[in-house]
Amino acid sequence: MNHLFASILLSFSALFSCQQSKVASLPVKEFDALIQDENVQRVDVRTVAEYSEGHIIHSVNINVLDPSFIAVADSVLRKDKPVALYCRSGKRSKKAAAILSERGYTVYELKDGFNAWKQAGKEEEK
């Protein structure tokens, strides 16, 4: 009986872990293909200073380190459209992706961040 109980608990644990929101971390090529869809919301989660030095075209800046990140994101972004976000190297975007995913957004993040985007020679605006 204990073995059966353990199996049931393990099954429930697996079920709930599968139900948690997942975030796709995409390499540059796939991220670029994704953001070609005009329904995808582009979000730069770096600081305003970093954003002003260069960013992916048509992206909005919502600094994940700002205490008002959630409030700003909820006022600017739509939950019915995917969110493609990035930071400099991928660390902050993973944090932002987790926050937004928990709030019901469908989130994709740029693996290795804006550094990888620039290294691949992709277009940016200042």
C-alpha atoms as a PDB file:
ATOM      1  CA  MET A   1       0.000   0.000   0.000  1.00  0.00           C
ATOM      2  CA  ASN A   2       2.836   2.421   0.795  1.00  0.00           C
ATOM      3  CA  HIS A   3       4.304   1.756  -2.646  1.00  0.00           C
ATOM      4  CA  LEU A   4       0.951   2.609  -4.251  1.00  0.00           C
ATOM      5  CA  PHE A   5       0.685   5.814  -2.202  1.00  0.00           C
ATOM      6  CA  ALA A   6       4.218   6.813  -3.209  1.00  0.00           C
ATOM      7  CA  SER A   7       3.383   6.156  -6.873  1.00  0.00           C
ATOM      8  CA  ILE A   8       0.270   8.310  -6.620  1.00  0.00           C
ATOM      9  CA  LEU A   9       2.234  11.141  -4.990  1.00  0.00           C
ATOM     10  CA  LEU A  10       4.902  10.885  -7.667  1.00  0.00           C
ATOM     11  CA  SER A  11       2.231  11.022 -10.369  1.00  0.00           C
ATOM     12  CA  PHE A  12       0.636  14.111  -8.824  1.00  0.00           C
ATOM     13  CA  SER A  13       4.039  15.746  -8.494  1.00  0.00           C
ATOM     14  CA  ALA A  14       4.794  15.085 -12.163  1.00  0.00           C
ATOM     15  CA  LEU A  15       1.354  16.346 -13.171  1.00  0.00           C
ATOM     16  CA  PHE A  16       1.749  19.615 -11.313  1.00  0.00           C
ATOM     17  CA  SER A  17       5.281  20.176 -12.558  1.00  0.00           C
ATOM     18  CA  CYS A  18       4.007  19.688 -16.119  1.00  0.00           C
ATOM     19  CA  GLN A  19       1.217  22.170 -15.529  1.00  0.00           C
ATOM     20  CA  GLN A  20       3.585  24.911 -14.428  1.00  0.00           C
ATOM     21  CA  SER A  21       4.133  27.519 -17.075  1.00  0.00           C
ATOM     22  CA  LYS A  22       7.148  26.868 -19.208  1.00  0.00           C
ATOM     23  CA  VAL A  23       9.389  29.368 -20.889  1.00  0.00           C
ATOM     24  CA  ALA A  24      11.103  28.620 -24.172  1.00  0.00           C
ATOM     25  CA  SER A  25      14.686  29.835 -24.416  1.00  0.00           C
ATOM     26  CA  LEU A  26      15.405  30.340 -28.108  1.00  0.00           C
ATOM     27  CA  PRO A  27      18.704  30.806 -29.941  1.00  0.00           C
ATOM     28  CA  VAL A  28      19.043  33.937 -32.078  1.00  0.00           C
ATOM     29  CA  LYS A  29      17.843  32.391 -35.344  1.00  0.00           C
ATOM     30  CA  GLU A  30      14.636  30.993 -33.815  1.00  0.00           C
ATOM     31  CA  PHE A  31      14.016  34.143 -31.753  1.00  0.00           C
ATOM     32  CA  ASP A  32      14.399  36.262 -34.886  1.00  0.00           C
ATOM     33  CA  ALA A  33      11.915  34.043 -36.746  1.00  0.00           C
ATOM     34  CA  LEU A  34       9.463  34.292 -33.842  1.00  0.00           C
ATOM     35  CA  ILE A  35       9.497  38.090 -33.666  1.00  0.00           C
ATOM     36  CA  GLN A  36       8.718  38.387 -37.372  1.00  0.00           C
ATOM     37  CA  ASP A  37       5.114  37.736 -36.311  1.00  0.00           C
ATOM     38  CA  GLU A  38       3.591  41.159 -35.608  1.00  0.00           C
ATOM     39  CA  ASN A  39       1.448  39.656 -32.845  1.00  0.00           C
ATOM     40  CA  VAL A  40       4.542  38.882 -30.773  1.00  0.00           C
ATOM     41  CA  GLN A  41       5.291  41.560 -28.178  1.00  0.00           C
ATOM     42  CA  ARG A  42       9.003  42.416 -28.013  1.00  0.00           C
ATOM     43  CA  VAL A  43      10.304  43.358 -24.571  1.00  0.00           C
ATOM     44  CA  ASP A  44      13.772  44.492 -23.526  1.00  0.00           C
ATOM     45  CA  VAL A  45      14.114  43.964 -19.758  1.00  0.00           C
ATOM     46  CA  ARG A  46      17.413  45.854 -19.367  1.00  0.00           C
ATOM     47  CA  THR A  47      17.896  49.293 -17.853  1.00  0.00           C
ATOM     48  CA  VAL A  48      16.891  52.431 -19.732  1.00  0.00           C
ATOM     49  CA  ALA A  49      20.587  53.266 -20.229  1.00  0.00           C
ATOM     50  CA  GLU A  50      21.299  49.870 -21.800  1.00  0.00           C
ATOM     51  CA  TYR A  51      18.178  50.103 -23.965  1.00  0.00           C
ATOM     52  CA  SER A  52      19.195  53.551 -25.240  1.00  0.00           C
ATOM     53  CA  GLU A  53      22.571  52.197 -26.373  1.00  0.00           C
ATOM     54  CA  GLY A  54      20.819  49.807 -28.765  1.00  0.00           C
ATOM     55  CA  HIS A  55      17.917  47.375 -28.817  1.00  0.00           C
ATOM     56  CA  ILE A  56      15.931  45.061 -31.056  1.00  0.00           C
ATOM     57  CA  ILE A  57      13.675  47.053 -33.372  1.00  0.00           C
ATOM     58  CA  HIS A  58      10.117  47.648 -32.126  1.00  0.00           C
ATOM     59  CA  SER A  59      10.873  46.426 -28.609  1.00  0.00           C
ATOM     60  CA  VAL A  60       9.560  48.174 -25.513  1.00  0.00           C
ATOM     61  CA  ASN A  61      11.724  48.661 -22.454  1.00  0.00           C
ATOM     62  CA  ILE A  62      10.440  47.336 -19.117  1.00  0.00           C
ATOM     63  CA  ASN A  63      13.313  47.066 -16.627  1.00  0.00           C
ATOM     64  CA  VAL A  64      12.960  43.808 -14.676  1.00  0.00           C
ATOM     65  CA  LEU A  65      15.066  45.246 -11.850  1.00  0.00           C
ATOM     66  CA  ASP A  66      12.602  48.105 -11.315  1.00  0.00           C
ATOM     67  CA  PRO A  67      10.202  47.498  -8.395  1.00  0.00           C
ATOM     68  CA  SER A  68       7.300  48.464 -10.665  1.00  0.00           C
ATOM     69  CA  PHE A  69       8.171  45.788 -13.274  1.00  0.00           C
ATOM     70  CA  ILE A  70       5.007  43.740 -12.738  1.00  0.00           C
ATOM     71  CA  ALA A  71       2.701  46.763 -12.692  1.00  0.00           C
ATOM     72  CA  VAL A  72       4.254  48.208 -15.843  1.00  0.00           C
ATOM     73  CA  ALA A  73       4.247  44.849 -17.630  1.00  0.00           C
ATOM     74  CA  ASP A  74       0.597  44.270 -16.766  1.00  0.00           C
ATOM     75  CA  SER A  75      -0.348  47.736 -18.024  1.00  0.00           C
ATOM     76  CA  VAL A  76       1.633  47.503 -21.281  1.00  0.00           C
ATOM     77  CA  LEU A  77       1.488  43.840 -22.296  1.00  0.00           C
ATOM     78  CA  ARG A  78      -1.417  41.676 -23.403  1.00  0.00           C
ATOM     79  CA  LYS A  79      -1.777  38.147 -22.093  1.00  0.00           C
ATOM     80  CA  ASP A  80      -3.432  36.968 -25.310  1.00  0.00           C
ATOM     81  CA  LYS A  81      -0.281  37.647 -27.347  1.00  0.00           C
ATOM     82  CA  PRO A  82       3.116  35.956 -26.921  1.00  0.00           C
ATOM     83  CA  VAL A  83       5.931  37.899 -25.279  1.00  0.00           C
ATOM     84  CA  ALA A  84       9.488  37.680 -26.641  1.00  0.00           C
ATOM     85  CA  LEU A  85      11.948  39.151 -24.176  1.00  0.00           C
ATOM     86  CA  TYR A  86      15.656  39.615 -23.787  1.00  0.00           C
ATOM     87  CA  CYS A  87      18.335  41.252 -21.664  1.00  0.00           C
ATOM     88  CA  ARG A  88      22.087  41.633 -22.138  1.00  0.00           C
ATOM     89  CA  SER A  89      23.226  38.042 -21.529  1.00  0.00           C
ATOM     90  CA  GLY A  90      20.142  36.017 -20.615  1.00  0.00           C
ATOM     91  CA  LYS A  91      20.161  36.146 -16.811  1.00  0.00           C
ATOM     92  CA  ARG A  92      17.633  38.939 -16.255  1.00  0.00           C
ATOM     93  CA  SER A  93      15.411  37.742 -19.092  1.00  0.00           C
ATOM     94  CA  LYS A  94      15.115  34.348 -17.402  1.00  0.00           C
ATOM     95  CA  LYS A  95      13.994  36.123 -14.213  1.00  0.00           C
ATOM     96  CA  ALA A  96      11.495  38.271 -16.144  1.00  0.00           C
ATOM     97  CA  ALA A  97      10.273  35.246 -18.097  1.00  0.00           C
ATOM     98  CA  ALA A  98       9.581  33.335 -14.890  1.00  0.00           C
ATOM     99  CA  ILE A  99       7.653  36.280 -13.419  1.00  0.00           C
ATOM    100  CA  LEU A 100       5.552  36.842 -16.535  1.00  0.00           C
ATOM    101  CA  SER A 101       4.960  33.158 -17.122  1.00  0.00           C
ATOM    102  CA  GLU A 102       3.621  32.784 -13.576  1.00  0.00           C
ATOM    103  CA  ARG A 103       1.239  35.657 -14.325  1.00  0.00           C
ATOM    104  CA  GLY A 104      -0.227  33.867 -17.339  1.00  0.00           C
ATOM    105  CA  TYR A 105       1.816  35.229 -20.237  1.00  0.00           C
ATOM    106  CA  THR A 106       3.197  32.983 -22.978  1.00  0.00           C
ATOM    107  CA  VAL A 107       6.889  33.824 -22.881  1.00  0.00           C
ATOM    108  CA  TYR A 108       9.908  33.230 -25.098  1.00  0.00           C
ATOM    109  CA  GLU A 109      13.330  34.507 -24.156  1.00  0.00           C
ATOM    110  CA  LEU A 110      16.441  35.106 -26.210  1.00  0.00           C
ATOM    111  CA  LYS A 111      19.108  32.618 -25.173  1.00  0.00           C
ATOM    112  CA  ASP A 112      22.348  34.452 -24.371  1.00  0.00           C
ATOM    113  CA  GLY A 113      20.572  37.809 -24.739  1.00  0.00           C
ATOM    114  CA  PHE A 114      21.280  40.907 -26.768  1.00  0.00           C
ATOM    115  CA  ASN A 115      25.003  40.062 -26.783  1.00  0.00           C
ATOM    116  CA  ALA A 116      24.223  37.001 -28.925  1.00  0.00           C
ATOM    117  CA  TRP A 117      21.890  39.083 -31.105  1.00  0.00           C
ATOM    118  CA  LYS A 118      24.659  41.601 -31.860  1.00  0.00           C
ATOM    119  CA  GLN A 119      27.267  38.871 -32.320  1.00  0.00           C
ATOM    120  CA  ALA A 120      25.014  37.273 -34.958  1.00  0.00           C
ATOM    121  CA  GLY A 121      24.958  40.624 -36.800  1.00  0.00           C
ATOM    122  CA  LYS A 122      21.215  41.126 -36.368  1.00  0.00           C
ATOM    123  CA  GLU A 123      19.624  44.522 -36.867  1.00  0.00           C
ATOM    124  CA  GLU A 124      19.260  46.896 -33.933  1.00  0.00           C
ATOM    125  CA  GLU A 125      18.081  50.444 -33.393  1.00  0.00           C
ATOM    126  CA  LYS A 126      19.313  53.170 -31.084  1.00  0.00           C
END
